[in-house]
Protein backbone atom coordinates (compact mmCIF):
# COMPACT_ATOMS: atom_id res chain seq x y z
CA MET A 1 10.34 0.53 4.47
CA ARG A 2 11.73 4.10 4.14
CA TRP A 3 12.86 3.26 0.64
CA LEU A 4 9.28 2.48 -0.32
CA TYR A 5 8.07 5.70 1.24
CA THR A 6 10.70 7.67 -0.67
CA LEU A 7 9.74 5.96 -4.02
CA ALA A 8 6.08 6.90 -3.40
CA LEU A 9 7.08 10.52 -2.74
CA ARG A 10 9.18 10.63 -6.03
CA LEU A 11 6.14 9.20 -7.90
CA ALA A 12 3.93 11.79 -6.37
CA LEU A 13 6.22 14.78 -7.31
CA PRO A 14 4.02 15.86 -10.25
CA LEU A 15 0.93 15.81 -8.04
CA ILE A 16 2.80 17.75 -5.30
CA LEU A 17 3.90 20.45 -7.70
CA LEU A 18 0.38 20.64 -9.14
CA ARG A 19 -1.01 21.13 -5.69
CA LEU A 20 1.54 23.80 -4.90
CA TRP A 21 0.64 25.72 -8.05
CA TRP A 22 -3.07 25.18 -7.37
CA ARG A 23 -2.78 26.66 -3.78
CA GLY A 24 -0.82 29.50 -5.22
CA ARG A 25 -3.98 30.74 -7.03
CA ARG A 26 -5.46 31.93 -3.82
CA GLU A 27 -2.25 32.31 -1.76
CA PRO A 28 0.52 33.61 -3.96
CA GLY A 29 3.05 32.95 -1.22
CA TYR A 30 3.04 29.31 -2.37
CA ARG A 31 4.62 30.25 -5.65
CA ASP A 32 7.47 32.18 -3.96
CA ASN A 33 10.81 30.51 -2.86
CA ILE A 34 9.84 27.21 -4.48
CA GLN A 35 13.57 26.26 -4.71
CA GLU A 36 13.71 26.11 -0.92
CA ARG A 37 11.27 23.19 -0.95
CA PHE A 38 14.03 21.27 -2.66
CA GLY A 39 16.84 22.29 -0.50
CA VAL A 40 18.16 25.24 -2.44
CA TYR A 41 18.55 28.37 -0.28
CA LEU A 42 19.80 31.92 -1.17
CA LEU A 43 20.09 32.77 2.56
CA ASP A 44 23.44 33.23 4.29
CA LYS A 45 25.24 30.19 5.63
CA PRO A 46 25.61 31.01 9.31
CA PRO A 47 28.73 29.77 11.04
CA LYS A 48 26.66 28.40 13.95
CA ALA A 49 22.95 27.86 13.88
CA LEU A 50 19.98 26.50 15.80
CA TRP A 51 17.04 25.37 13.77
CA VAL A 52 13.35 25.40 14.84
CA HIS A 53 10.58 24.05 12.60
CA ALA A 54 7.14 25.48 12.96
CA VAL A 55 4.81 24.09 10.27
CA SER A 56 2.20 26.82 10.17
CA VAL A 57 0.66 29.85 11.93
CA GLY A 58 -0.20 28.18 15.32
CA GLU A 59 3.20 26.62 15.76
CA ALA A 60 4.97 29.80 14.64
CA ARG A 61 3.37 31.77 17.28
CA ALA A 62 3.64 28.99 19.97
CA ALA A 63 7.39 28.83 19.25
CA ALA A 64 7.98 32.47 19.92
CA PRO A 65 8.83 32.30 23.69
CA LEU A 66 11.18 29.36 22.96
CA VAL A 67 12.89 31.02 19.96
CA ARG A 68 13.50 34.12 21.98
CA ALA A 69 14.77 32.24 24.94
CA LEU A 70 17.20 30.35 22.75
CA GLN A 71 18.38 33.55 21.23
CA GLU A 72 18.99 35.14 24.60
CA ALA A 73 20.69 31.94 26.05
CA LEU A 74 22.85 31.34 22.96
CA PRO A 75 23.46 34.75 21.26
CA ASP A 76 26.41 33.55 19.23
CA HIS A 77 24.09 31.24 17.29
CA ALA A 78 21.96 32.29 14.26
CA MET A 79 18.33 31.13 14.48
CA VAL A 80 16.86 29.35 11.52
CA VAL A 81 13.13 28.95 11.66
CA THR A 82 11.38 26.98 9.03
CA CYS A 83 7.71 26.47 8.13
CA THR A 84 5.68 24.59 5.49
CA THR A 85 2.61 26.83 4.71
CA ALA A 86 2.54 30.31 3.04
CA THR A 87 0.58 31.79 6.03
CA GLY A 88 3.27 30.24 8.26
CA ARG A 89 5.94 32.15 6.27
CA GLU A 90 3.87 35.35 6.62
CA THR A 91 3.56 34.68 10.41
CA LEU A 92 7.31 34.38 10.78
CA LYS A 93 7.77 37.84 9.21
CA GLN A 94 5.08 39.33 11.60
CA VAL A 95 6.38 37.62 14.79
CA TYR A 96 10.15 37.55 14.28
CA GLY A 97 10.99 40.27 11.63
CA GLU A 98 14.67 40.17 10.67
CA SER A 99 15.84 38.52 13.87
CA VAL A 100 15.72 35.01 12.36
CA LEU A 101 16.55 33.39 9.05
CA ALA A 102 13.05 32.25 7.77
CA ALA A 103 12.68 29.61 5.12
CA TYR A 104 10.53 26.74 3.87
CA LEU A 105 11.55 23.32 5.09
CA PRO A 106 12.18 21.09 2.09
CA TYR A 107 9.95 18.29 1.07
CA ASP A 108 10.95 14.96 2.67
CA TYR A 109 13.29 13.81 -0.15
CA PRO A 110 16.68 12.51 1.08
CA GLU A 111 18.75 14.81 -1.15
CA SER A 112 16.61 17.95 -0.43
CA VAL A 113 16.78 17.40 3.37
CA ARG A 114 20.51 16.70 3.06
CA ALA A 115 21.05 19.97 1.17
CA PHE A 116 19.20 21.82 3.91
CA LEU A 117 21.35 20.48 6.58
CA GLU A 118 24.59 21.09 4.70
CA HIS A 119 23.62 24.59 4.03
CA PHE A 120 22.66 25.67 7.51
CA ARG A 121 24.63 23.04 9.48
CA PRO A 122 22.48 23.43 12.70
CA ARG A 123 23.83 22.30 15.99
CA LEU A 124 20.28 21.52 17.11
CA GLY A 125 16.96 20.82 15.49
CA VAL A 126 13.69 21.58 17.32
CA LEU A 127 10.46 20.27 15.71
CA MET A 128 7.29 21.73 17.05
CA GLU A 129 4.45 19.41 18.11
CA THR A 130 4.30 16.39 15.83
CA GLU A 131 6.43 17.07 12.69
CA LEU A 132 8.01 13.53 12.32
CA TRP A 133 9.28 13.19 8.73
CA PRO A 134 11.15 9.86 8.24
CA ASN A 135 13.90 11.06 5.80
CA LEU A 136 14.36 14.27 7.81
CA LEU A 137 15.01 12.34 11.01
CA ALA A 138 17.20 9.88 9.26
CA GLN A 139 19.35 12.62 7.58
CA CYS A 140 19.64 14.48 10.95
CA ALA A 141 20.89 11.30 12.55
CA GLY A 142 23.38 10.81 9.73
CA HIS A 143 24.68 14.33 10.08
CA GLY A 144 24.91 14.20 13.79
CA VAL A 145 22.22 16.83 14.44
CA PRO A 146 20.45 16.18 17.69
CA VAL A 147 16.66 16.69 17.19
CA ALA A 148 14.13 17.45 19.95
CA LEU A 149 10.40 17.32 19.73
CA ALA A 150 9.07 20.54 21.47
CA ASN A 151 5.57 21.15 22.75
CA ALA A 152 4.91 17.64 21.78
CA ARG A 153 1.44 16.28 21.59
CA MET A 154 0.07 12.92 20.46
CA SER A 155 -3.66 12.23 20.40
CA GLU A 156 -4.80 8.55 20.72
CA LYS A 157 -5.97 8.71 17.05
CA SER A 158 -2.58 9.86 15.90
CA ALA A 159 -0.78 7.25 18.10
CA ARG A 160 -2.84 4.56 16.34
CA GLY A 161 -1.67 5.78 13.14
CA TYR A 162 1.92 5.77 14.12
CA ARG A 163 1.61 2.28 15.55
CA ARG A 164 0.30 1.01 12.24
CA ALA A 165 3.19 2.53 10.44
CA ARG A 166 5.75 1.60 12.99
CA ALA A 167 8.18 0.07 10.47
CA LEU A 168 8.39 3.42 8.82
CA THR A 169 7.97 5.90 11.66
CA GLY A 170 9.64 3.88 14.54
CA PRO A 171 13.38 4.55 13.53
CA GLY A 172 12.79 8.35 13.42
CA ILE A 173 11.01 8.37 16.78
CA ARG A 174 13.72 6.31 18.39
CA SER A 175 16.34 8.67 17.00
CA LEU A 176 14.97 11.75 18.82
CA ALA A 177 17.44 13.16 21.34
CA ALA A 178 14.65 14.46 23.61
CA VAL A 179 10.85 14.92 23.77
CA CYS A 180 9.24 17.74 25.57
CA ALA A 181 5.61 16.73 25.99
CA GLN A 182 2.61 19.02 26.79
CA SER A 183 0.95 16.57 29.18
CA ALA A 184 1.44 13.18 30.80
CA ALA A 185 -0.99 11.59 28.47
CA ASP A 186 0.99 12.87 25.45
CA ALA A 187 4.22 11.70 27.16
CA GLY A 188 2.85 8.19 27.70
CA ARG A 189 1.81 7.80 24.06
CA LEU A 190 5.09 8.94 22.86
CA ARG A 191 7.00 6.61 25.11
CA ASP A 192 4.86 3.66 23.92
CA LEU A 193 5.89 4.59 20.39
CA GLY A 194 9.56 4.31 21.28
CA ALA A 195 10.57 7.86 21.94
CA PRO A 196 13.51 8.08 24.41
CA ARG A 197 13.94 10.78 27.12
CA VAL A 198 10.36 12.00 27.32
CA GLU A 199 9.71 14.61 29.86
CA VAL A 200 6.53 16.63 30.67
CA THR A 201 7.42 20.29 30.20
CA GLY A 202 3.97 21.84 29.66
CA ASN A 203 2.45 23.80 26.95
CA LEU A 204 4.49 26.71 25.36
CA LYS A 205 1.23 28.46 24.38
CA PHE A 206 0.70 29.39 27.95
CA ASP A 207 3.94 31.35 27.79
CA VAL A 208 2.90 33.42 24.68
CA THR A 209 2.60 37.20 25.63
CA LEU A 210 -0.24 38.93 23.90
CA ASP A 211 0.38 42.17 22.21
CA GLY A 212 -0.42 44.90 24.67
CA ALA A 213 -1.13 47.51 22.05
CA GLN A 214 -3.64 45.11 20.39
CA LEU A 215 -5.27 44.34 23.72
CA ALA A 216 -5.67 48.06 24.48
CA ALA A 217 -7.01 48.81 20.95
CA GLY A 218 -9.49 45.98 21.25
CA ARG A 219 -10.90 47.25 24.56
CA GLU A 220 -11.11 50.80 23.17
CA TRP A 221 -12.98 49.43 20.06
CA ARG A 222 -15.43 47.57 22.39
CA ALA A 223 -16.09 50.72 24.38
CA ARG A 224 -16.75 52.78 21.29
CA LEU A 225 -19.21 50.20 19.91
CA GLY A 226 -21.48 50.49 22.84
CA ARG A 227 -22.79 46.83 22.44
CA PRO A 228 -21.38 43.46 23.16
CA VAL A 229 -19.28 41.50 20.74
CA LEU A 230 -19.73 37.77 20.17
CA LEU A 231 -16.68 36.46 18.51
CA LEU A 232 -16.56 33.35 16.21
CA ALA A 233 -12.76 32.78 16.33
CA SER A 234 -10.62 30.81 13.88
CA THR A 235 -13.60 29.20 12.13
CA ARG A 236 -13.09 26.61 9.48
CA GLU A 237 -14.99 25.76 6.36
CA GLY A 238 -18.52 24.54 7.00
CA GLU A 239 -18.77 26.15 10.43
CA GLU A 240 -19.79 29.75 9.89
CA LYS A 241 -23.23 28.97 8.34
CA PRO A 242 -24.61 26.83 11.11
CA LEU A 243 -23.28 29.20 13.80
CA LEU A 244 -24.73 32.27 12.25
CA GLU A 245 -28.00 30.67 11.49
CA ASN A 246 -28.48 29.96 15.18
CA ALA A 247 -27.48 33.43 16.36
CA ASN A 248 -30.20 35.34 18.20
CA ALA A 249 -28.18 37.43 20.55
CA ASP A 250 -28.43 41.29 20.41
CA ALA A 251 -24.79 41.61 19.79
CA LEU A 252 -22.17 42.41 17.12
CA ILE A 253 -21.07 39.09 15.67
CA VAL A 254 -17.45 39.07 14.59
CA VAL A 255 -16.33 36.32 12.37
CA VAL A 256 -12.50 35.60 12.03
CA PRO A 257 -11.82 32.68 9.67
CA ARG A 258 -8.78 30.51 10.42
CA HIS A 259 -7.39 30.75 6.90
CA PRO A 260 -7.01 34.12 5.14
CA GLN A 261 -7.72 32.61 1.71
CA ARG A 262 -11.32 32.11 2.90
CA PHE A 263 -11.85 35.78 3.80
CA ASP A 264 -13.63 36.62 0.49
CA GLU A 265 -15.83 33.56 0.75
CA VAL A 266 -16.98 34.39 4.29
CA ALA A 267 -17.50 38.07 3.40
CA ARG A 268 -20.68 36.89 1.63
CA LEU A 269 -22.08 36.22 4.97
CA ALA A 270 -21.11 39.52 6.53
CA ASP A 271 -22.33 43.03 6.04
CA SER A 272 -19.03 44.78 7.06
CA ARG A 273 -15.31 43.96 7.19
CA ARG A 274 -12.35 45.32 9.16
CA SER A 275 -9.95 45.58 6.20
CA ARG A 276 -12.20 48.20 4.67
CA ASN A 277 -12.68 50.18 7.90
CA ASP A 278 -16.46 49.53 7.52
CA ILE A 279 -18.89 50.66 10.18
CA PRO A 280 -19.86 47.43 11.94
CA GLY A 281 -23.41 46.23 11.07
CA LYS A 282 -24.84 42.93 12.41
CA ILE A 283 -22.02 40.53 11.16
CA PHE A 284 -18.58 41.91 10.96
CA LEU A 285 -15.70 40.06 9.14
CA GLY A 286 -12.24 40.10 10.83
CA ASP A 287 -10.17 39.85 7.75
CA THR A 288 -6.80 40.86 9.04
CA MET A 289 -3.84 38.73 9.89
CA GLY A 290 -2.10 38.73 13.29
CA GLU A 291 -4.82 40.55 15.24
CA MET A 292 -6.33 37.77 17.39
CA ALA A 293 -5.39 39.60 20.54
CA PHE A 294 -7.38 42.67 19.43
CA TYR A 295 -10.49 40.55 18.71
CA TYR A 296 -10.25 38.69 21.96
CA ALA A 297 -9.92 41.86 23.93
CA ALA A 298 -12.91 43.25 22.10
CA CYS A 299 -15.25 40.38 22.67
CA ALA A 300 -17.68 39.53 25.53
CA VAL A 301 -17.72 35.95 24.59
CA ALA A 302 -15.41 33.81 22.28
CA VAL A 303 -16.69 30.75 20.41
CA ILE A 304 -13.63 28.71 19.25
CA GLY A 305 -13.84 27.49 15.69
CA GLY A 306 -12.44 24.16 14.32
CA SER A 307 -14.25 22.42 17.04
CA PHE A 308 -17.71 22.01 15.33
CA MET A 309 -16.25 19.81 12.62
CA PRO A 310 -14.10 16.76 13.32
CA LEU A 311 -10.88 18.89 13.08
CA GLY A 312 -9.59 18.94 16.68
CA GLY A 313 -10.21 22.65 17.38
CA GLN A 314 -8.08 25.80 17.47
CA ASN A 315 -6.07 27.42 20.25
CA LEU A 316 -8.17 28.56 23.11
CA ILE A 317 -5.31 29.68 25.30
CA GLU A 318 -5.08 33.14 23.68
CA ALA A 319 -8.77 33.84 24.49
CA LEU A 320 -8.23 32.65 28.01
CA ALA A 321 -5.17 34.90 28.49
CA ALA A 322 -7.16 37.98 27.24
CA GLY A 323 -9.89 37.19 29.86
CA ALA A 324 -12.61 36.13 27.32
CA PRO A 325 -15.16 33.51 28.43
CA VAL A 326 -14.84 30.62 26.02
CA VAL A 327 -17.26 28.26 24.29
CA VAL A 328 -15.92 25.23 22.46
CA GLY A 329 -17.52 22.53 20.44
CA PRO A 330 -17.18 18.77 20.78
CA SER A 331 -13.96 18.34 18.72
CA MET A 332 -10.93 19.67 20.66
CA PHE A 333 -8.56 16.75 20.46
CA ASN A 334 -5.57 19.01 19.27
CA PHE A 335 -6.03 21.04 22.45
CA ALA A 336 -7.23 18.24 24.73
CA GLU A 337 -5.28 19.02 27.85
CA ALA A 338 -5.75 22.94 27.64
CA THR A 339 -9.41 22.25 27.08
CA ARG A 340 -9.58 19.90 30.06
CA LEU A 341 -7.83 22.46 32.32
CA ALA A 342 -10.09 25.25 31.11
CA LEU A 343 -13.25 23.30 31.61
CA GLU A 344 -12.17 22.34 35.15
CA ALA A 345 -11.19 25.86 36.07
CA GLY A 346 -14.64 27.15 34.90
CA ALA A 347 -13.06 29.31 32.25
CA ALA A 348 -14.76 27.49 29.32
CA ILE A 349 -17.94 25.67 28.46
CA GLN A 350 -18.10 22.69 26.01
CA VAL A 351 -21.22 22.04 23.97
CA PRO A 352 -22.24 19.33 21.54
CA ASP A 353 -22.92 21.45 18.28
CA ALA A 354 -23.15 24.91 16.71
CA ALA A 355 -26.79 25.50 17.85
CA ALA A 356 -25.87 24.72 21.43
CA ALA A 357 -22.81 27.00 21.20
CA MET A 358 -24.90 29.95 20.20
CA ARG A 359 -27.56 29.25 22.86
CA GLN A 360 -24.82 29.08 25.37
CA ALA A 361 -23.07 32.32 24.07
CA GLY A 362 -26.49 34.17 24.33
CA GLN A 363 -26.84 33.09 27.93
CA LEU A 364 -23.38 34.26 28.80
CA LEU A 365 -24.08 37.69 27.10
CA SER A 366 -27.02 38.14 29.55
CA ASP A 367 -25.04 37.20 32.64
CA ALA A 368 -22.17 39.67 33.23
CA ALA A 369 -21.26 38.25 36.61
CA LEU A 370 -20.63 34.74 35.08
CA ARG A 371 -18.63 36.29 32.25
CA ALA A 372 -16.42 38.10 34.69
CA ARG A 373 -15.80 34.90 36.74
CA MET A 374 -15.01 32.90 33.72
CA GLY A 375 -12.63 35.58 32.40
CA GLU A 376 -10.74 35.80 35.66
CA SER A 377 -10.56 32.01 35.87
CA GLY A 378 -9.06 31.92 32.37
CA LYS A 379 -6.31 34.53 33.34
CA ARG A 380 -5.44 32.72 36.45
CA LEU A 381 -5.19 29.41 34.67
CA CYS A 382 -2.81 30.84 32.07
CA GLU A 383 -0.69 32.38 34.76
CA ALA A 384 -0.57 29.09 36.77
CA HIS A 385 0.75 27.11 33.79
CA ARG A 386 3.48 29.51 32.61
CA GLY A 387 7.02 28.11 32.68
CA ALA A 388 7.16 25.68 29.87
CA THR A 389 9.78 27.87 28.04
CA ARG A 390 12.16 27.55 30.92
CA ARG A 391 11.80 23.80 31.20
CA HIS A 392 12.32 23.33 27.39
CA LEU A 393 15.33 25.61 27.52
CA GLU A 394 17.12 23.52 30.18
CA ILE A 395 16.67 20.41 28.10
CA LEU A 396 17.76 22.08 24.83
CA ARG A 397 20.86 23.82 26.12
CA GLY A 398 22.02 20.44 27.44
CA LEU A 399 21.67 19.02 23.86
CA VAL A 400 23.73 21.89 22.33
CA ARG A 401 26.51 21.47 24.95
CA GLY A 402 26.47 17.70 24.29
């Protein structure tokens, strides 16, 4: 089955390159380091390396506690961190600086993946969440590289897809050396798909430490404004308009799109933007990268984007950790366990649509006592669920020793 998958990839190469060029129009980073996507690297060949793959922005940030713990536990190993997206590559620079070797993971062609493994010769591979590429896993097995799935999640919808493609995906899943699952539900689905040694280790995102300087700056900005801030966080295409159309609260509305290539598009809905140091009007565009801690500290209420379209939502844990009351839409399957915990703790409220979200946000803005209770509940929840990094590290160090 894998040979057929590889043949399809080869036939699709012209379209893959065209898409890369097309995305590069709006995000020039896609036109940089293209050779890495085919296994050609100009980076040094480290004598001993550990490799973590974090596909994009969310995974790159979530991996930070684990990457730093591995660096501290195994200081004689270089750390290679790969990504897939241009924004992910930029995030690696912001989060890790020069402390890691940052690169693109090659496309899933056998020869490209083989070249990657022979260049870096990692003693361990760590794939964040659900990056299960058939040729990648097959080549790792052939080169004797143990691979762990970290912070693993598997929705029921995704599990159905993997079951349908079991002939292609099954061998790779069975080859995993370990799986560190976010929740018992994720663990059960991964076991059903054939994954060995599955353990529930919790969600690494609870271990992410927010930037203290950004938190302080956000609180100071909020105090200077003299009016409450309603944050529309990590919004996706098609969400901003219905949210803004239903806004009636007497507050500054700050919109922070999930993808930077949409900043100029969303700017048409705003009357001021942060990158230009504009004085906030009614609708303010947060068009800066890596400043979510600032925005969460500044807001009175956070409405989480990606949840009003069938996209599975965006990370709500950072908002909870900053003490922001959270409102989410109906689609949060990518953060199902964290959402469940937040709802049960009284730190978040889930609503059926954008109109209901803005009504609920307006009610929260008029109830300071409820906002305070929700904010404290969110911070307690995050503190109670810390520790995933330590549990991951115990498993991964065993794989390196083995």
